[in-house]
Amino acid sequence: MIIKRTIDKETLNELPKAFFQGQIHVAQTPTEAEKAVEYLKQYPIVGIDSETRPSFSKGKQYKVALLQVSTPDHCFLFRLNLTGLTLPVITLLESPSITKVGLSLHDDFMMLHKRAPFQPRAYVELQEYVRPFGIQDKSLQKIYGILFNEKISKTQRLSNWEAPVLTEPQKLYAATDAWACLNIYNRLQELKASGDFQIEEKVEERD
């Protein structure tokens, strides 16, 4: 496989869409959150992401509304605006035996700390992890496009994540982001183990 260093917006927009095809579970009570964490504990690696209700007023900022944790086939959406950051979820974030893979995790953890204190352990920041593979892009969309020749839609990003009921497009968007992080990590692990990749020599102009 030849890994491109970067991908332009025009190329990215022409790619077919990628989306999570597994089962999506919404945890909106403390009990549901606890059961979800019990299930996730059996997995050594998970993908994570978070969503926050966008603010369109200057100076107004909301707390994290949603934490997504994905395995290859199941994604759990923890509605933190309804449950808060519960102890089982904190235990998951602090677990040294479960690797959490995400992108811009420093920002995610900083926002999550506004809900409750915790010490994140065993996590992989994809923006740093892709560097040895020659990838210069930092966004999830572009990294995924480079490795899979597929595009992740961002149409739901600015939707209301504190809505009484999440829409199906919201749930699919949220699950896809966390699952995509896991997919990227697994693909790079495979390439590293096989050595079956080359970094594109020519550096394309950035868009």
C-alpha atoms as a PDB file:
ATOM      1  CA  MET A   1       0.000   0.000   0.000  1.00  0.00           C
ATOM      2  CA  ILE A   2       1.238   3.483  -0.866  1.00  0.00           C
ATOM      3  CA  ILE A   3       0.311   5.956   1.869  1.00  0.00           C
ATOM      4  CA  LYS A   4      -0.307   9.518   0.767  1.00  0.00           C
ATOM      5  CA  ARG A   5       1.024  12.263   2.993  1.00  0.00           C
ATOM      6  CA  THR A   6      -2.069  14.398   2.497  1.00  0.00           C
ATOM      7  CA  ILE A   7      -5.376  14.471   0.630  1.00  0.00           C
ATOM      8  CA  ASP A   8      -7.112  17.552  -0.803  1.00  0.00           C
ATOM      9  CA  LYS A   9     -10.750  18.449  -0.232  1.00  0.00           C
ATOM     10  CA  GLU A  10     -11.765  17.853  -3.837  1.00  0.00           C
ATOM     11  CA  THR A  11     -10.433  14.286  -3.804  1.00  0.00           C
ATOM     12  CA  LEU A  12     -11.985  13.657  -0.403  1.00  0.00           C
ATOM     13  CA  ASN A  13     -15.419  14.879  -1.497  1.00  0.00           C
ATOM     14  CA  GLU A  14     -15.469  12.409  -4.388  1.00  0.00           C
ATOM     15  CA  LEU A  15     -14.902   9.364  -2.180  1.00  0.00           C
ATOM     16  CA  PRO A  16     -17.784   7.031  -1.237  1.00  0.00           C
ATOM     17  CA  LYS A  17     -19.176   7.470   2.265  1.00  0.00           C
ATOM     18  CA  ALA A  18     -18.156   5.241   5.153  1.00  0.00           C
ATOM     19  CA  PHE A  19     -20.471   4.574   8.061  1.00  0.00           C
ATOM     20  CA  PHE A  20     -20.686   2.257  11.054  1.00  0.00           C
ATOM     21  CA  GLN A  21     -22.677  -0.846  10.196  1.00  0.00           C
ATOM     22  CA  GLY A  22     -22.777  -2.491  13.605  1.00  0.00           C
ATOM     23  CA  GLN A  23     -25.262  -2.122  16.462  1.00  0.00           C
ATOM     24  CA  ILE A  24     -25.677   1.245  18.188  1.00  0.00           C
ATOM     25  CA  HIS A  25     -26.730   1.330  21.844  1.00  0.00           C
ATOM     26  CA  VAL A  26     -27.816   4.507  23.637  1.00  0.00           C
ATOM     27  CA  ALA A  27     -27.082   4.641  27.387  1.00  0.00           C
ATOM     28  CA  GLN A  28     -29.218   7.363  28.934  1.00  0.00           C
ATOM     29  CA  THR A  29     -29.552   6.166  32.543  1.00  0.00           C
ATOM     30  CA  PRO A  30     -26.807   5.344  35.075  1.00  0.00           C
ATOM     31  CA  THR A  31     -27.901   1.704  35.027  1.00  0.00           C
ATOM     32  CA  GLU A  32     -27.623   1.496  31.236  1.00  0.00           C
ATOM     33  CA  ALA A  33     -24.220   3.164  31.402  1.00  0.00           C
ATOM     34  CA  GLU A  34     -23.002   0.637  33.971  1.00  0.00           C
ATOM     35  CA  LYS A  35     -24.183  -2.301  31.840  1.00  0.00           C
ATOM     36  CA  ALA A  36     -22.492  -0.815  28.766  1.00  0.00           C
ATOM     37  CA  VAL A  37     -19.168  -0.466  30.593  1.00  0.00           C
ATOM     38  CA  GLU A  38     -19.410  -4.076  31.809  1.00  0.00           C
ATOM     39  CA  TYR A  39     -19.762  -5.185  28.200  1.00  0.00           C
ATOM     40  CA  LEU A  40     -16.900  -2.986  26.984  1.00  0.00           C
ATOM     41  CA  LYS A  41     -14.501  -4.330  29.626  1.00  0.00           C
ATOM     42  CA  GLN A  42     -14.028  -7.500  27.590  1.00  0.00           C
ATOM     43  CA  TYR A  43     -12.352  -5.537  24.768  1.00  0.00           C
ATOM     44  CA  PRO A  44      -8.639  -4.612  24.967  1.00  0.00           C
ATOM     45  CA  ILE A  45      -8.989  -1.744  22.456  1.00  0.00           C
ATOM     46  CA  VAL A  46     -11.883   0.635  21.789  1.00  0.00           C
ATOM     47  CA  GLY A  47     -12.403   3.778  19.735  1.00  0.00           C
ATOM     48  CA  ILE A  48     -13.656   6.881  21.531  1.00  0.00           C
ATOM     49  CA  ASP A  49     -15.010  10.311  20.651  1.00  0.00           C
ATOM     50  CA  SER A  50     -17.306  12.931  22.164  1.00  0.00           C
ATOM     51  CA  GLU A  51     -19.913  15.442  21.032  1.00  0.00           C
ATOM     52  CA  THR A  52     -20.905  18.772  22.557  1.00  0.00           C
ATOM     53  CA  ARG A  53     -23.943  20.881  21.793  1.00  0.00           C
ATOM     54  CA  PRO A  54     -22.740  23.754  19.593  1.00  0.00           C
ATOM     55  CA  SER A  55     -23.084  27.254  20.932  1.00  0.00           C
ATOM     56  CA  PHE A  56     -24.091  30.053  18.620  1.00  0.00           C
ATOM     57  CA  SER A  57     -23.877  32.719  21.337  1.00  0.00           C
ATOM     58  CA  LYS A  58     -20.636  34.435  22.295  1.00  0.00           C
ATOM     59  CA  GLY A  59     -19.359  33.316  25.701  1.00  0.00           C
ATOM     60  CA  LYS A  60     -21.868  30.461  25.981  1.00  0.00           C
ATOM     61  CA  GLN A  61     -20.343  26.982  26.185  1.00  0.00           C
ATOM     62  CA  TYR A  62     -22.012  23.673  26.909  1.00  0.00           C
ATOM     63  CA  LYS A  63     -20.581  20.618  28.640  1.00  0.00           C
ATOM     64  CA  VAL A  64     -19.925  17.369  26.760  1.00  0.00           C
ATOM     65  CA  ALA A  65     -23.286  15.832  25.906  1.00  0.00           C
ATOM     66  CA  LEU A  66     -22.208  12.512  24.430  1.00  0.00           C
ATOM     67  CA  LEU A  67     -19.333  10.068  24.848  1.00  0.00           C
ATOM     68  CA  GLN A  68     -19.046   7.406  22.155  1.00  0.00           C
ATOM     69  CA  VAL A  69     -17.135   4.165  22.774  1.00  0.00           C
ATOM     70  CA  SER A  70     -16.915   1.662  19.928  1.00  0.00           C
ATOM     71  CA  THR A  71     -15.795  -1.903  19.324  1.00  0.00           C
ATOM     72  CA  PRO A  72     -15.692  -3.272  15.748  1.00  0.00           C
ATOM     73  CA  ASP A  73     -19.374  -4.293  15.940  1.00  0.00           C
ATOM     74  CA  HIS A  74     -21.003  -2.377  18.803  1.00  0.00           C
ATOM     75  CA  CYS A  75     -20.971   1.314  19.648  1.00  0.00           C
ATOM     76  CA  PHE A  76     -22.278   2.733  22.912  1.00  0.00           C
ATOM     77  CA  LEU A  77     -23.465   6.331  23.095  1.00  0.00           C
ATOM     78  CA  PHE A  78     -23.323   7.602  26.673  1.00  0.00           C
ATOM     79  CA  ARG A  79     -25.688  10.581  27.057  1.00  0.00           C
ATOM     80  CA  LEU A  80     -23.682  12.479  29.655  1.00  0.00           C
ATOM     81  CA  ASN A  81     -26.107  15.419  29.631  1.00  0.00           C
ATOM     82  CA  LEU A  82     -28.661  13.024  31.186  1.00  0.00           C
ATOM     83  CA  THR A  83     -26.434  10.844  33.397  1.00  0.00           C
ATOM     84  CA  GLY A  84     -23.370  12.933  34.141  1.00  0.00           C
ATOM     85  CA  LEU A  85     -19.933  11.313  34.044  1.00  0.00           C
ATOM     86  CA  THR A  86     -20.743   8.262  36.170  1.00  0.00           C
ATOM     87  CA  LEU A  87     -18.227   6.205  38.141  1.00  0.00           C
ATOM     88  CA  PRO A  88     -18.349   3.176  35.779  1.00  0.00           C
ATOM     89  CA  VAL A  89     -17.545   5.430  32.803  1.00  0.00           C
ATOM     90  CA  ILE A  90     -14.717   7.072  34.752  1.00  0.00           C
ATOM     91  CA  THR A  91     -13.392   3.594  35.557  1.00  0.00           C
ATOM     92  CA  LEU A  92     -13.365   2.809  31.842  1.00  0.00           C
ATOM     93  CA  LEU A  93     -11.466   6.010  31.005  1.00  0.00           C
ATOM     94  CA  GLU A  94      -8.950   5.296  33.772  1.00  0.00           C
ATOM     95  CA  SER A  95      -8.496   1.589  33.024  1.00  0.00           C
ATOM     96  CA  PRO A  96      -4.861   0.718  32.182  1.00  0.00           C
ATOM     97  CA  SER A  97      -5.952  -2.543  30.530  1.00  0.00           C
ATOM     98  CA  ILE A  98      -8.285  -1.026  27.906  1.00  0.00           C
ATOM     99  CA  THR A  99      -6.596   1.038  25.197  1.00  0.00           C
ATOM    100  CA  LYS A 100      -8.699   4.018  24.138  1.00  0.00           C
ATOM    101  CA  VAL A 101      -8.027   5.286  20.600  1.00  0.00           C
ATOM    102  CA  GLY A 102      -9.170   8.726  19.527  1.00  0.00           C
ATOM    103  CA  LEU A 103      -8.325  11.979  17.796  1.00  0.00           C
ATOM    104  CA  SER A 104      -7.790  15.334  19.555  1.00  0.00           C
ATOM    105  CA  LEU A 105      -8.096  13.473  22.841  1.00  0.00           C
ATOM    106  CA  HIS A 106      -6.505  16.294  24.795  1.00  0.00           C
ATOM    107  CA  ASP A 107      -9.515  18.457  23.891  1.00  0.00           C
ATOM    108  CA  ASP A 108     -11.981  15.661  24.666  1.00  0.00           C
ATOM    109  CA  PHE A 109     -10.456  15.000  28.089  1.00  0.00           C
ATOM    110  CA  MET A 110     -10.300  18.706  28.904  1.00  0.00           C
ATOM    111  CA  MET A 111     -14.026  19.028  28.155  1.00  0.00           C
ATOM    112  CA  LEU A 112     -14.884  15.827  30.055  1.00  0.00           C
ATOM    113  CA  HIS A 113     -13.005  17.138  33.106  1.00  0.00           C
ATOM    114  CA  LYS A 114     -15.671  19.835  33.350  1.00  0.00           C
ATOM    115  CA  ARG A 115     -18.122  17.079  34.254  1.00  0.00           C
ATOM    116  CA  ALA A 116     -15.928  15.177  36.747  1.00  0.00           C
ATOM    117  CA  PRO A 117     -12.246  14.705  37.615  1.00  0.00           C
ATOM    118  CA  PHE A 118     -10.485  11.595  36.282  1.00  0.00           C
ATOM    119  CA  GLN A 119      -7.035  10.461  35.193  1.00  0.00           C
ATOM    120  CA  PRO A 120      -7.059   9.080  31.620  1.00  0.00           C
ATOM    121  CA  ARG A 121      -4.859   6.038  31.103  1.00  0.00           C
ATOM    122  CA  ALA A 122      -3.890   3.799  28.176  1.00  0.00           C
ATOM    123  CA  TYR A 123      -4.909   6.008  25.296  1.00  0.00           C
ATOM    124  CA  VAL A 124      -3.605   6.503  21.751  1.00  0.00           C
ATOM    125  CA  GLU A 125      -3.707   9.928  20.089  1.00  0.00           C
ATOM    126  CA  LEU A 126      -4.099   9.287  16.360  1.00  0.00           C
ATOM    127  CA  GLN A 127      -2.707  12.668  15.338  1.00  0.00           C
ATOM    128  CA  GLU A 128       0.617  11.540  16.802  1.00  0.00           C
ATOM    129  CA  TYR A 129       0.271   7.869  15.898  1.00  0.00           C
ATOM    130  CA  VAL A 130      -0.003   8.538  12.140  1.00  0.00           C
ATOM    131  CA  ARG A 131       3.253  10.514  11.914  1.00  0.00           C
ATOM    132  CA  PRO A 132       5.645   7.550  11.421  1.00  0.00           C
ATOM    133  CA  PHE A 133       3.444   6.522   8.481  1.00  0.00           C
ATOM    134  CA  GLY A 134       4.089   9.836   6.745  1.00  0.00           C
ATOM    135  CA  ILE A 135       0.546  11.150   7.148  1.00  0.00           C
ATOM    136  CA  GLN A 136       0.591  14.916   7.618  1.00  0.00           C
ATOM    137  CA  ASP A 137      -3.151  15.562   7.826  1.00  0.00           C
ATOM    138  CA  LYS A 138      -4.690  15.923  11.278  1.00  0.00           C
ATOM    139  CA  SER A 139      -8.439  15.575  10.714  1.00  0.00           C
ATOM    140  CA  LEU A 140     -10.299  12.292  11.114  1.00  0.00           C
ATOM    141  CA  GLN A 141     -11.905  12.771   7.705  1.00  0.00           C
ATOM    142  CA  LYS A 142      -8.604  13.156   5.877  1.00  0.00           C
ATOM    143  CA  ILE A 143      -6.736  10.408   7.737  1.00  0.00           C
ATOM    144  CA  TYR A 144      -9.605   8.006   7.054  1.00  0.00           C
ATOM    145  CA  GLY A 145      -9.725   9.068   3.403  1.00  0.00           C
ATOM    146  CA  ILE A 146      -6.003   8.401   2.983  1.00  0.00           C
ATOM    147  CA  LEU A 147      -6.127   4.924   4.522  1.00  0.00           C
ATOM    148  CA  PHE A 148      -9.512   3.651   3.306  1.00  0.00           C
ATOM    149  CA  ASN A 149     -10.448   5.737   0.252  1.00  0.00           C
ATOM    150  CA  GLU A 150     -13.752   6.492   1.934  1.00  0.00           C
ATOM    151  CA  LYS A 151     -15.283   9.681   3.318  1.00  0.00           C
ATOM    152  CA  ILE A 152     -16.795  10.265   6.738  1.00  0.00           C
ATOM    153  CA  SER A 153     -19.748  12.644   6.651  1.00  0.00           C
ATOM    154  CA  LYS A 154     -19.692  15.660   8.971  1.00  0.00           C
ATOM    155  CA  THR A 155     -23.263  16.854   8.328  1.00  0.00           C
ATOM    156  CA  GLN A 156     -24.491  16.203  11.904  1.00  0.00           C
ATOM    157  CA  ARG A 157     -21.557  17.814  13.727  1.00  0.00           C
ATOM    158  CA  LEU A 158     -23.388  21.030  14.580  1.00  0.00           C
ATOM    159  CA  SER A 159     -26.708  19.405  15.486  1.00  0.00           C
ATOM    160  CA  ASN A 160     -28.192  19.581  18.987  1.00  0.00           C
ATOM    161  CA  TRP A 161     -26.557  16.812  21.021  1.00  0.00           C
ATOM    162  CA  GLU A 162     -28.754  17.629  24.024  1.00  0.00           C
ATOM    163  CA  ALA A 163     -32.014  17.033  22.143  1.00  0.00           C
ATOM    164  CA  PRO A 164     -34.574  14.948  24.115  1.00  0.00           C
ATOM    165  CA  VAL A 165     -34.195  12.153  21.567  1.00  0.00           C
ATOM    166  CA  LEU A 166     -31.203  11.693  19.268  1.00  0.00           C
ATOM    167  CA  THR A 167     -32.134  11.227  15.606  1.00  0.00           C
ATOM    168  CA  GLU A 168     -30.970   8.189  13.639  1.00  0.00           C
ATOM    169  CA  PRO A 169     -28.560  10.367  11.564  1.00  0.00           C
ATOM    170  CA  GLN A 170     -27.086  11.762  14.806  1.00  0.00           C
ATOM    171  CA  LYS A 171     -26.580   8.294  16.264  1.00  0.00           C
ATOM    172  CA  LEU A 172     -24.991   6.996  13.058  1.00  0.00           C
ATOM    173  CA  TYR A 173     -22.678  10.017  12.809  1.00  0.00           C
ATOM    174  CA  ALA A 174     -21.570   9.694  16.439  1.00  0.00           C
ATOM    175  CA  ALA A 175     -20.972   5.957  16.206  1.00  0.00           C
ATOM    176  CA  THR A 176     -19.081   6.278  12.922  1.00  0.00           C
ATOM    177  CA  ASP A 177     -16.586   8.751  14.385  1.00  0.00           C
ATOM    178  CA  ALA A 178     -15.610   6.491  17.307  1.00  0.00           C
ATOM    179  CA  TRP A 179     -15.557   3.373  15.110  1.00  0.00           C
ATOM    180  CA  ALA A 180     -13.426   5.163  12.495  1.00  0.00           C
ATOM    181  CA  CYS A 181     -10.760   5.901  15.120  1.00  0.00           C
ATOM    182  CA  LEU A 182     -10.587   2.203  15.966  1.00  0.00           C
ATOM    183  CA  ASN A 183     -10.493   1.290  12.270  1.00  0.00           C
ATOM    184  CA  ILE A 184      -7.575   3.646  11.612  1.00  0.00           C
ATOM    185  CA  TYR A 185      -5.589   2.250  14.525  1.00  0.00           C
ATOM    186  CA  ASN A 186      -6.198  -1.364  13.494  1.00  0.00           C
ATOM    187  CA  ARG A 187      -5.222  -0.659   9.876  1.00  0.00           C
ATOM    188  CA  LEU A 188      -1.973   1.032  10.916  1.00  0.00           C
ATOM    189  CA  GLN A 189      -1.175  -1.820  13.298  1.00  0.00           C
ATOM    190  CA  GLU A 190      -1.630  -4.286  10.435  1.00  0.00           C
ATOM    191  CA  LEU A 191       0.596  -2.244   8.135  1.00  0.00           C
ATOM    192  CA  LYS A 192       3.262  -1.912  10.804  1.00  0.00           C
ATOM    193  CA  ALA A 193       3.241  -5.647  11.469  1.00  0.00           C
ATOM    194  CA  SER A 194       3.421  -6.599   7.775  1.00  0.00           C
ATOM    195  CA  GLY A 195       5.655  -3.754   6.634  1.00  0.00           C
ATOM    196  CA  ASP A 196       3.574  -3.780   3.465  1.00  0.00           C
ATOM    197  CA  PHE A 197       3.433  -0.038   2.874  1.00  0.00           C
ATOM    198  CA  GLN A 198       5.360   2.786   1.299  1.00  0.00           C
ATOM    199  CA  ILE A 199       5.109   6.479   2.029  1.00  0.00           C
ATOM    200  CA  GLU A 200       4.417   8.575  -1.047  1.00  0.00           C
ATOM    201  CA  GLU A 201       7.584  10.484  -1.897  1.00  0.00           C
ATOM    202  CA  LYS A 202       6.000  13.486  -3.540  1.00  0.00           C
ATOM    203  CA  VAL A 203       4.522  15.993  -1.121  1.00  0.00           C
ATOM    204  CA  GLU A 204       1.322  17.314  -2.652  1.00  0.00           C
ATOM    205  CA  GLU A 205       0.314  20.928  -2.180  1.00  0.00           C
ATOM    206  CA  ARG A 206      -2.044  21.481   0.729  1.00  0.00           C
ATOM    207  CA  ASP A 207      -5.502  22.729  -0.068  1.00  0.00           C
END
